[in-house]
Amino acid sequence: MNLSQALLTIAFLTAAVSAAVSEDWLQFRGSGGDGVSLSKLPTRLESNSLAWAASLPGRGLSSPIVIGKRVIVTCSSGPKQNRLHVLCFNLEGGALRWERQFWATGRTMTHEKTNGAAPTPVSDGERVFALFSSNDCVALDLDGNLIWFRGLGRDYPNASNSLGMSSSLLVAGGVVIAQVENDSESFTAGLDAGTGANRWKLDRPRKANWTSPSLFKGTDGVTSVALQSSVGLTLVEPTTGKTLASYDEGASTVASTTTREGRLFVPSQGLTVLELTAPGQPLKQVWRSSQLRPGTPSPLVVDGRVLVLGDGGVLTCGSMADGTRLWQLRLKGTFSSTPVAAGGFLYCVNEKGLLQVIDPSKPEGEVVSELDLGETILSTPAIAQGSLFVRSDAKLWRIGKPPENPL
């Protein structure tokens, strides 16, 4: 391990410990990027489980993120979705703390199911970085002051697709990773977190891709970024973009890779689990299961179980050790949102806004409670401070109240 890799690993571990202590949720699928939180949430949800609801000014598929006492969410509004919003709400009470608006400089046309605020923002604990479908990227401090604005759609005008972009940002080692992959000018860039300038830029497969990058720490202790595409998976060094390892047997362009305990759970030919044996060597296949096939939601690994939510709302549970299918459970509705987990329970919200809590430890899985939010929800929830945060186009909810006298 060289000096830069060692420093990056130390920074990663420090951030992970800090996030665990403060129970923040700093990016898509949480600070660990695996959709699993250390928080303990209520499992019996009722109408009085709603702590607060806040109104939003426009559409959005992006997940909320939580930084201390701030809940951040993005929206797009206007007939052409060219008004871009970053909003900050108080964790307690849900009052609007600040809002910043920007005009899109890139293409804003999307499929009717999605919108301009599809990518989830990310934070390094000191700054917020938000990307929109127009490929406009903005950096703000925690009080909403502008640090930099980068119109990637103006710099690379052919970088778009006809349905809209949705890959979420990742930040590691002072670099913001933006996966801007499409049918034409396809690339992934590492942007300097302080200035927005390119630190590196990689040409990527020319095919529309809606997956998001994932942080991966291998058994060798090296932290890398997993970039998934139709071709397969590539591990790159966050600070330089240098390729460390690859897998070339194809992968989904919708559901994203999940990392857990030194393994990569890749939506490829069902689900393929990979390990990194050594930098520069091909990724090693641990097991593959055609029975564990994700739909739109990304896979989740909880307490030794792999859970995938497929087409038709079928939740399938398999063994983390070898992929053996353990059970299947049909949930109500269809799903675009990726499940999240806390305390060993799954929280799944369907497209009609029905939130279902599942106990995967039961022999056949079991839905233990439901809460109908009554609005279309395509966004993945966030978990922080003993609560679940869910957004629709019109509302942001905090569900579950933390204990009045925490120990």
Protein backbone atom coordinates (compact mmCIF):
# COMPACT_ATOMS: atom_id res chain seq x y z
CA MET A 1 0.00 0.00 0.00
CA ASN A 2 1.50 3.35 -1.04
CA LEU A 3 1.25 6.58 0.96
CA SER A 4 -1.75 7.99 -0.95
CA GLN A 5 -3.68 4.72 -0.50
CA ALA A 6 -2.81 4.64 3.20
CA LEU A 7 -3.98 8.22 3.73
CA LEU A 8 -7.18 7.52 1.79
CA THR A 9 -7.87 4.43 3.88
CA ILE A 10 -7.32 6.40 7.11
CA ALA A 11 -9.66 9.15 5.87
CA PHE A 12 -12.25 6.58 4.88
CA LEU A 13 -12.13 4.83 8.26
CA THR A 14 -12.30 8.14 10.12
CA ALA A 15 -15.34 9.20 8.10
CA ALA A 16 -16.98 5.81 8.64
CA VAL A 17 -16.44 5.93 12.42
CA SER A 18 -17.66 9.52 12.56
CA ALA A 19 -20.76 8.65 10.52
CA ALA A 20 -21.48 5.64 12.74
CA VAL A 21 -21.22 7.72 15.91
CA SER A 22 -23.36 10.59 14.64
CA GLU A 23 -25.76 8.30 12.72
CA ASP A 24 -25.57 10.51 9.65
CA TRP A 25 -26.71 9.32 6.22
CA LEU A 26 -24.37 11.07 3.82
CA GLN A 27 -25.13 9.56 0.41
CA PHE A 28 -27.32 7.22 -1.64
CA ARG A 29 -27.87 4.05 0.44
CA GLY A 30 -26.21 5.61 3.48
CA SER A 31 -22.76 6.50 4.70
CA GLY A 32 -21.56 2.93 4.13
CA GLY A 33 -23.20 2.78 0.71
CA ASP A 34 -24.89 -0.51 1.62
CA GLY A 35 -28.34 0.67 2.75
CA VAL A 36 -27.78 -0.53 6.33
CA SER A 37 -27.97 1.76 9.37
CA LEU A 38 -26.88 1.36 12.99
CA SER A 39 -30.02 3.22 14.08
CA LYS A 40 -32.87 1.37 15.71
CA LEU A 41 -36.21 2.22 14.12
CA PRO A 42 -39.77 1.46 15.18
CA THR A 43 -41.06 -1.66 13.43
CA ARG A 44 -44.76 -1.18 14.18
CA LEU A 45 -45.65 1.81 12.05
CA GLU A 46 -48.93 3.68 12.54
CA SER A 47 -50.30 7.08 11.60
CA ASN A 48 -48.83 8.57 14.78
CA SER A 49 -45.39 7.35 13.67
CA LEU A 50 -45.11 10.49 11.51
CA ALA A 51 -42.91 13.02 13.29
CA TRP A 52 -43.35 15.73 10.62
CA ALA A 53 -43.97 16.38 6.94
CA ALA A 54 -42.51 19.25 4.91
CA SER A 55 -43.69 20.53 1.54
CA LEU A 56 -41.34 20.44 -1.46
CA PRO A 57 -41.36 22.89 -4.39
CA GLY A 58 -40.79 20.46 -7.25
CA ARG A 59 -40.23 16.92 -8.40
CA GLY A 60 -37.45 14.60 -7.30
CA LEU A 61 -36.27 10.99 -7.22
CA SER A 62 -33.17 11.78 -5.19
CA SER A 63 -32.92 10.39 -1.67
CA PRO A 64 -32.67 12.69 1.34
CA ILE A 65 -29.33 12.85 3.13
CA VAL A 66 -28.87 13.70 6.81
CA ILE A 67 -25.91 15.64 8.22
CA GLY A 68 -26.18 16.26 11.95
CA LYS A 69 -29.29 18.39 12.46
CA ARG A 70 -29.77 19.02 8.73
CA VAL A 71 -31.85 17.07 6.22
CA ILE A 72 -30.90 17.86 2.61
CA VAL A 73 -32.98 17.10 -0.48
CA THR A 74 -32.97 18.22 -4.12
CA CYS A 75 -35.85 19.07 -6.48
CA SER A 76 -36.42 20.35 -10.00
CA SER A 77 -39.33 22.55 -11.01
CA GLY A 78 -40.78 24.52 -13.91
CA PRO A 79 -42.37 23.36 -17.19
CA LYS A 80 -38.93 22.39 -18.49
CA GLN A 81 -37.55 21.27 -15.10
CA ASN A 82 -34.79 23.81 -15.51
CA ARG A 83 -35.05 25.35 -12.05
CA LEU A 84 -32.85 23.32 -9.71
CA HIS A 85 -33.35 23.35 -5.94
CA VAL A 86 -31.23 22.30 -2.98
CA LEU A 87 -33.19 22.50 0.28
CA CYS A 88 -32.14 22.06 3.90
CA PHE A 89 -34.67 21.25 6.63
CA ASN A 90 -34.20 21.15 10.39
CA LEU A 91 -34.02 17.61 11.72
CA GLU A 92 -36.22 18.61 14.63
CA GLY A 93 -39.58 19.92 13.49
CA GLY A 94 -38.90 19.92 9.75
CA ALA A 95 -38.78 23.72 9.28
CA LEU A 96 -37.02 24.95 6.14
CA ARG A 97 -33.55 26.10 7.16
CA TRP A 98 -32.40 27.34 3.73
CA GLU A 99 -32.97 26.88 0.02
CA ARG A 100 -30.73 27.57 -2.97
CA GLN A 101 -31.90 27.67 -6.59
CA PHE A 102 -29.96 27.42 -9.85
CA TRP A 103 -30.79 27.46 -13.55
CA ALA A 104 -29.91 24.31 -15.45
CA THR A 105 -27.23 24.75 -18.11
CA GLY A 106 -27.60 21.26 -19.62
CA ARG A 107 -30.37 19.16 -21.11
CA THR A 108 -33.45 18.82 -18.87
CA MET A 109 -35.74 16.56 -20.92
CA THR A 110 -36.47 13.23 -19.17
CA HIS A 111 -38.89 10.33 -19.28
CA GLU A 112 -42.18 11.24 -17.57
CA LYS A 113 -41.49 8.81 -14.71
CA THR A 114 -38.27 10.55 -13.74
CA ASN A 115 -37.21 14.20 -13.52
CA GLY A 116 -34.29 16.59 -13.19
CA ALA A 117 -33.55 15.78 -9.54
CA ALA A 118 -32.93 12.04 -9.85
CA PRO A 119 -29.32 11.77 -8.56
CA THR A 120 -28.89 11.73 -4.78
CA PRO A 121 -26.56 14.40 -3.30
CA VAL A 122 -23.56 13.48 -1.17
CA SER A 123 -21.73 15.10 1.75
CA ASP A 124 -18.27 14.78 3.24
CA GLY A 125 -19.64 16.12 6.53
CA GLU A 126 -18.54 19.68 5.74
CA ARG A 127 -19.94 20.30 2.27
CA VAL A 128 -22.91 19.20 0.16
CA PHE A 129 -22.44 18.16 -3.48
CA ALA A 130 -25.52 17.88 -5.67
CA LEU A 131 -25.81 16.62 -9.24
CA PHE A 132 -28.86 16.94 -11.46
CA SER A 133 -30.03 15.14 -14.61
CA SER A 134 -28.90 18.22 -16.58
CA ASN A 135 -25.35 17.27 -15.46
CA ASP A 136 -25.11 20.47 -13.44
CA CYS A 137 -23.07 19.90 -10.30
CA VAL A 138 -23.03 22.28 -7.34
CA ALA A 139 -21.04 22.42 -4.09
CA LEU A 140 -22.42 24.23 -1.03
CA ASP A 141 -21.32 24.58 2.56
CA LEU A 142 -23.68 23.41 5.30
CA ASP A 143 -25.25 26.89 5.51
CA GLY A 144 -26.07 26.84 1.80
CA ASN A 145 -23.31 29.17 0.63
CA LEU A 146 -22.07 28.44 -2.88
CA ILE A 147 -18.55 27.01 -3.13
CA TRP A 148 -18.57 26.16 -6.84
CA PHE A 149 -20.89 25.35 -9.74
CA ARG A 150 -19.92 23.13 -12.65
CA GLY A 151 -22.02 22.76 -15.81
CA LEU A 152 -20.83 19.37 -17.02
CA GLY A 153 -23.57 19.51 -19.66
CA ARG A 154 -21.93 22.62 -21.14
CA ASP A 155 -18.42 21.19 -20.92
CA TYR A 156 -19.51 17.90 -22.49
CA PRO A 157 -22.67 18.71 -24.50
CA ASN A 158 -23.23 15.19 -25.87
CA ALA A 159 -23.24 13.58 -22.44
CA SER A 160 -26.94 12.77 -22.05
CA ASN A 161 -29.59 10.22 -22.89
CA SER A 162 -33.22 10.47 -23.95
CA LEU A 163 -34.63 9.23 -20.61
CA GLY A 164 -32.63 11.37 -18.19
CA MET A 165 -29.56 10.86 -16.01
CA SER A 166 -29.77 9.49 -12.47
CA SER A 167 -26.38 8.25 -11.25
CA SER A 168 -25.71 9.54 -7.73
CA LEU A 169 -22.48 11.18 -6.57
CA LEU A 170 -19.81 9.68 -4.34
CA VAL A 171 -17.05 11.50 -2.45
CA ALA A 172 -13.74 9.96 -1.32
CA GLY A 173 -10.32 11.37 -0.54
CA GLY A 174 -11.32 14.94 -1.45
CA VAL A 175 -12.64 13.83 -4.85
CA VAL A 176 -16.28 13.87 -6.01
CA ILE A 177 -16.96 10.98 -8.40
CA ALA A 178 -19.56 11.76 -11.08
CA GLN A 179 -20.58 8.82 -13.28
CA VAL A 180 -21.92 10.47 -16.46
CA GLU A 181 -22.41 7.43 -18.68
CA ASN A 182 -24.61 7.49 -21.76
CA ASP A 183 -24.91 6.50 -25.43
CA SER A 184 -22.60 9.23 -26.74
CA GLU A 185 -20.01 11.16 -24.71
CA SER A 186 -19.74 8.66 -21.89
CA PHE A 187 -17.34 9.27 -19.01
CA THR A 188 -16.74 9.19 -15.28
CA ALA A 189 -14.92 12.14 -13.71
CA GLY A 190 -13.19 12.75 -10.42
CA LEU A 191 -13.88 16.38 -9.50
CA ASP A 192 -11.80 18.25 -6.93
CA ALA A 193 -14.07 18.71 -3.92
CA GLY A 194 -12.70 22.19 -3.29
CA THR A 195 -12.86 23.64 -6.80
CA GLY A 196 -14.95 21.36 -9.04
CA ALA A 197 -12.09 21.03 -11.54
CA ASN A 198 -11.29 17.66 -13.08
CA ARG A 199 -8.74 15.65 -11.13
CA TRP A 200 -9.20 12.82 -13.61
CA LYS A 201 -11.59 11.69 -16.36
CA LEU A 202 -12.14 8.21 -17.78
CA ASP A 203 -13.81 7.26 -21.05
CA ARG A 204 -16.55 4.75 -20.30
CA PRO A 205 -18.74 2.31 -22.31
CA ARG A 206 -21.13 4.14 -24.65
CA LYS A 207 -24.45 2.95 -23.33
CA ALA A 208 -27.07 4.62 -21.14
CA ASN A 209 -26.34 3.76 -17.54
CA TRP A 210 -28.28 4.70 -14.40
CA THR A 211 -26.19 2.86 -11.80
CA SER A 212 -24.28 4.70 -9.08
CA PRO A 213 -20.64 4.27 -7.98
CA SER A 214 -19.90 2.44 -4.73
CA LEU A 215 -17.01 2.64 -2.27
CA PHE A 216 -15.31 -0.72 -1.80
CA LYS A 217 -12.76 -1.77 0.78
CA GLY A 218 -11.12 -5.06 -0.16
CA THR A 219 -9.53 -7.62 2.10
CA ASP A 220 -6.17 -6.00 1.26
CA GLY A 221 -7.35 -2.82 3.02
CA VAL A 222 -7.30 -0.70 -0.13
CA THR A 223 -10.32 1.56 -0.68
CA SER A 224 -11.48 1.88 -4.27
CA VAL A 225 -14.51 2.98 -6.26
CA ALA A 226 -16.64 0.40 -8.07
CA LEU A 227 -17.94 1.65 -11.44
CA GLN A 228 -20.66 -0.58 -12.89
CA SER A 229 -21.79 -0.56 -16.53
CA SER A 230 -23.28 -2.84 -19.19
CA VAL A 231 -19.77 -4.23 -19.76
CA GLY A 232 -19.20 -5.23 -16.14
CA LEU A 233 -17.41 -3.67 -13.18
CA THR A 234 -14.21 -1.65 -12.81
CA LEU A 235 -12.43 -0.75 -9.57
CA VAL A 236 -10.56 2.55 -9.71
CA GLU A 237 -8.44 4.54 -7.28
CA PRO A 238 -10.56 7.51 -6.07
CA THR A 239 -7.81 10.14 -6.17
CA THR A 240 -6.32 9.25 -9.56
CA GLY A 241 -8.87 7.21 -11.51
CA LYS A 242 -6.26 4.46 -11.98
CA THR A 243 -7.81 1.07 -12.77
CA LEU A 244 -7.10 -1.49 -10.04
CA ALA A 245 -9.17 -4.49 -11.18
CA SER A 246 -12.08 -5.36 -13.45
CA TYR A 247 -14.84 -7.85 -14.23
CA ASP A 248 -16.04 -8.08 -17.84
CA GLU A 249 -19.04 -10.43 -17.90
CA GLY A 250 -21.70 -7.71 -18.10
CA ALA A 251 -23.94 -6.11 -15.47
CA SER A 252 -27.22 -4.28 -15.01
CA THR A 253 -27.48 -0.62 -16.02
CA VAL A 254 -30.21 0.03 -13.42
CA ALA A 255 -29.65 -1.78 -10.09
CA SER A 256 -26.29 -0.87 -8.52
CA THR A 257 -23.56 -2.94 -6.89
CA THR A 258 -23.64 -3.34 -3.10
CA THR A 259 -20.45 -3.83 -1.08
CA ARG A 260 -20.30 -5.73 2.17
CA GLU A 261 -17.54 -7.40 4.20
CA GLY A 262 -14.93 -7.22 1.45
CA ARG A 263 -17.24 -8.51 -1.27
CA LEU A 264 -19.03 -6.95 -4.24
CA PHE A 265 -22.62 -8.02 -4.85
CA VAL A 266 -23.06 -7.23 -8.54
CA PRO A 267 -26.38 -7.40 -10.44
CA SER A 268 -24.89 -9.57 -13.20
CA GLN A 269 -26.45 -12.73 -14.64
CA GLY A 270 -28.74 -12.72 -11.62
CA LEU A 271 -26.40 -11.80 -8.80
CA THR A 272 -22.63 -12.36 -8.96
CA VAL A 273 -20.46 -11.99 -5.86
CA LEU A 274 -16.84 -10.96 -6.39
CA GLU A 275 -13.68 -10.56 -4.32
CA LEU A 276 -10.48 -8.67 -5.04
CA THR A 277 -7.48 -10.98 -4.76
CA ALA A 278 -4.82 -8.39 -5.66
CA PRO A 279 -4.70 -5.00 -7.43
CA GLY A 280 -4.24 -5.46 -11.17
CA GLN A 281 -5.68 -8.97 -11.08
CA PRO A 282 -9.17 -9.92 -12.30
CA LEU A 283 -11.88 -9.92 -9.68
CA LYS A 284 -12.54 -13.43 -8.40
CA GLN A 285 -16.05 -14.89 -8.53
CA VAL A 286 -17.18 -16.26 -5.16
CA TRP A 287 -20.61 -17.42 -6.29
CA ARG A 288 -23.38 -16.64 -8.76
CA SER A 289 -27.13 -17.16 -8.49
CA SER A 290 -29.68 -16.74 -11.27
CA GLN A 291 -32.41 -16.98 -8.61
CA LEU A 292 -31.29 -13.75 -6.93
CA ARG A 293 -32.09 -11.30 -9.72
CA PRO A 294 -32.71 -7.66 -8.77
CA GLY A 295 -35.23 -5.55 -10.63
CA THR A 296 -34.87 -1.77 -10.37
CA PRO A 297 -33.90 -1.76 -6.64
CA SER A 298 -30.30 -2.55 -5.71
CA PRO A 299 -29.46 -5.63 -3.58
CA LEU A 300 -29.11 -5.48 0.19
CA VAL A 301 -27.06 -7.64 2.59
CA VAL A 302 -28.33 -7.95 6.17
CA ASP A 303 -27.16 -10.34 8.91
CA GLY A 304 -25.73 -12.93 6.54
CA ARG A 305 -28.66 -12.73 4.13
CA VAL A 306 -28.77 -11.29 0.62
CA LEU A 307 -32.08 -9.67 -0.27
CA VAL A 308 -33.16 -8.66 -3.75
CA LEU A 309 -36.42 -7.05 -4.79
CA GLY A 310 -37.38 -8.18 -8.27
CA ASP A 311 -40.02 -7.37 -10.82
CA GLY A 312 -43.56 -7.77 -9.56
CA GLY A 313 -42.61 -6.95 -5.98
CA VAL A 314 -41.13 -10.38 -5.16
CA LEU A 315 -38.58 -10.19 -2.34
CA THR A 316 -36.05 -13.03 -2.50
CA CYS A 317 -33.71 -13.96 0.36
CA GLY A 318 -30.51 -15.94 -0.16
CA SER A 319 -27.53 -17.03 1.87
CA MET A 320 -24.61 -14.60 1.86
CA ALA A 321 -22.23 -17.56 2.03
CA ASP A 322 -23.19 -19.34 -1.19
CA GLY A 323 -26.29 -17.70 -2.69
CA THR A 324 -28.67 -20.54 -1.84
CA ARG A 325 -32.24 -19.27 -2.04
CA LEU A 326 -33.88 -19.37 1.40
CA TRP A 327 -37.34 -17.94 0.75
CA GLN A 328 -39.48 -15.65 -1.39
CA LEU A 329 -42.16 -13.21 -0.28
CA ARG A 330 -44.51 -11.26 -2.52
CA LEU A 331 -44.91 -7.69 -1.30
CA LYS A 332 -47.73 -5.35 -2.22
CA GLY A 333 -47.14 -3.22 -5.33
CA THR A 334 -44.21 -2.55 -7.63
CA PHE A 335 -40.94 -0.95 -6.54
CA SER A 336 -38.42 1.55 -7.85
CA SER A 337 -37.09 2.40 -4.39
CA THR A 338 -34.24 0.31 -2.94
CA PRO A 339 -34.97 -1.20 0.49
CA VAL A 340 -32.99 -0.01 3.51
CA ALA A 341 -32.36 -1.81 6.78
CA ALA A 342 -32.01 -1.07 10.50
CA GLY A 343 -32.04 -3.38 13.48
CA GLY A 344 -32.26 -6.39 11.18
CA PHE A 345 -35.57 -5.20 9.65
CA LEU A 346 -36.18 -4.09 6.06
CA TYR A 347 -38.07 -0.92 5.12
CA CYS A 348 -39.53 -1.07 1.60
CA VAL A 349 -41.75 1.60 0.04
CA ASN A 350 -43.63 0.82 -3.16
CA GLU A 351 -44.43 3.18 -6.02
CA LYS A 352 -47.88 3.99 -4.57
CA GLY A 353 -46.36 5.07 -1.27
CA LEU A 354 -47.08 2.00 0.86
CA LEU A 355 -44.24 1.50 3.35
CA GLN A 356 -43.82 -2.14 4.40
CA VAL A 357 -41.62 -3.35 7.26
CA ILE A 358 -40.23 -6.88 6.82
CA ASP A 359 -38.57 -9.24 9.28
CA PRO A 360 -36.18 -11.28 7.09
CA SER A 361 -35.15 -13.54 10.00
CA LYS A 362 -38.48 -15.38 9.84
CA PRO A 363 -38.37 -18.72 7.96
CA GLU A 364 -40.45 -17.32 5.07
CA GLY A 365 -39.98 -13.61 5.73
CA GLU A 366 -42.80 -11.65 7.32
CA VAL A 367 -44.42 -8.22 6.84
CA VAL A 368 -44.78 -6.90 10.40
CA SER A 369 -46.44 -3.54 9.68
CA GLU A 370 -47.47 -1.10 6.95
CA LEU A 371 -47.92 2.65 6.61
CA ASP A 372 -49.65 4.21 3.62
CA LEU A 373 -48.17 7.62 2.74
CA GLY A 374 -50.67 8.07 -0.09
CA GLU A 375 -48.31 9.51 -2.72
CA THR A 376 -46.16 8.18 -5.55
CA ILE A 377 -42.69 7.38 -4.18
CA LEU A 378 -39.78 6.25 -6.34
CA SER A 379 -37.01 7.47 -4.04
CA THR A 380 -34.91 5.32 -1.68
CA PRO A 381 -35.42 6.27 2.00
CA ALA A 382 -32.71 7.49 4.38
CA ILE A 383 -32.17 6.40 8.00
CA ALA A 384 -30.68 8.63 10.70
CA GLN A 385 -31.21 9.67 14.30
CA GLY A 386 -33.73 6.91 15.00
CA SER A 387 -35.96 7.88 12.09
CA LEU A 388 -36.76 7.04 8.50
CA PHE A 389 -36.79 9.89 5.95
CA VAL A 390 -38.91 9.44 2.83
CA ARG A 391 -39.67 11.86 0.00
CA SER A 392 -42.22 12.08 -2.79
CA ASP A 393 -42.45 14.87 -5.35
CA ALA A 394 -44.52 16.98 -2.98
CA LYS A 395 -43.43 16.00 0.53
CA LEU A 396 -40.57 15.01 2.78
CA TRP A 397 -41.49 12.93 5.83
CA ARG A 398 -39.70 12.05 9.04
CA ILE A 399 -41.10 8.74 10.28
CA GLY A 400 -40.43 7.44 13.76
CA LYS A 401 -39.63 9.54 16.78
CA PRO A 402 -36.34 9.01 18.65
CA PRO A 403 -36.56 8.17 22.36
CA GLU A 404 -37.22 11.19 24.58
CA ASN A 405 -34.44 10.24 27.00
CA PRO A 406 -31.78 8.39 24.98
CA LEU A 407 -29.11 6.65 27.05
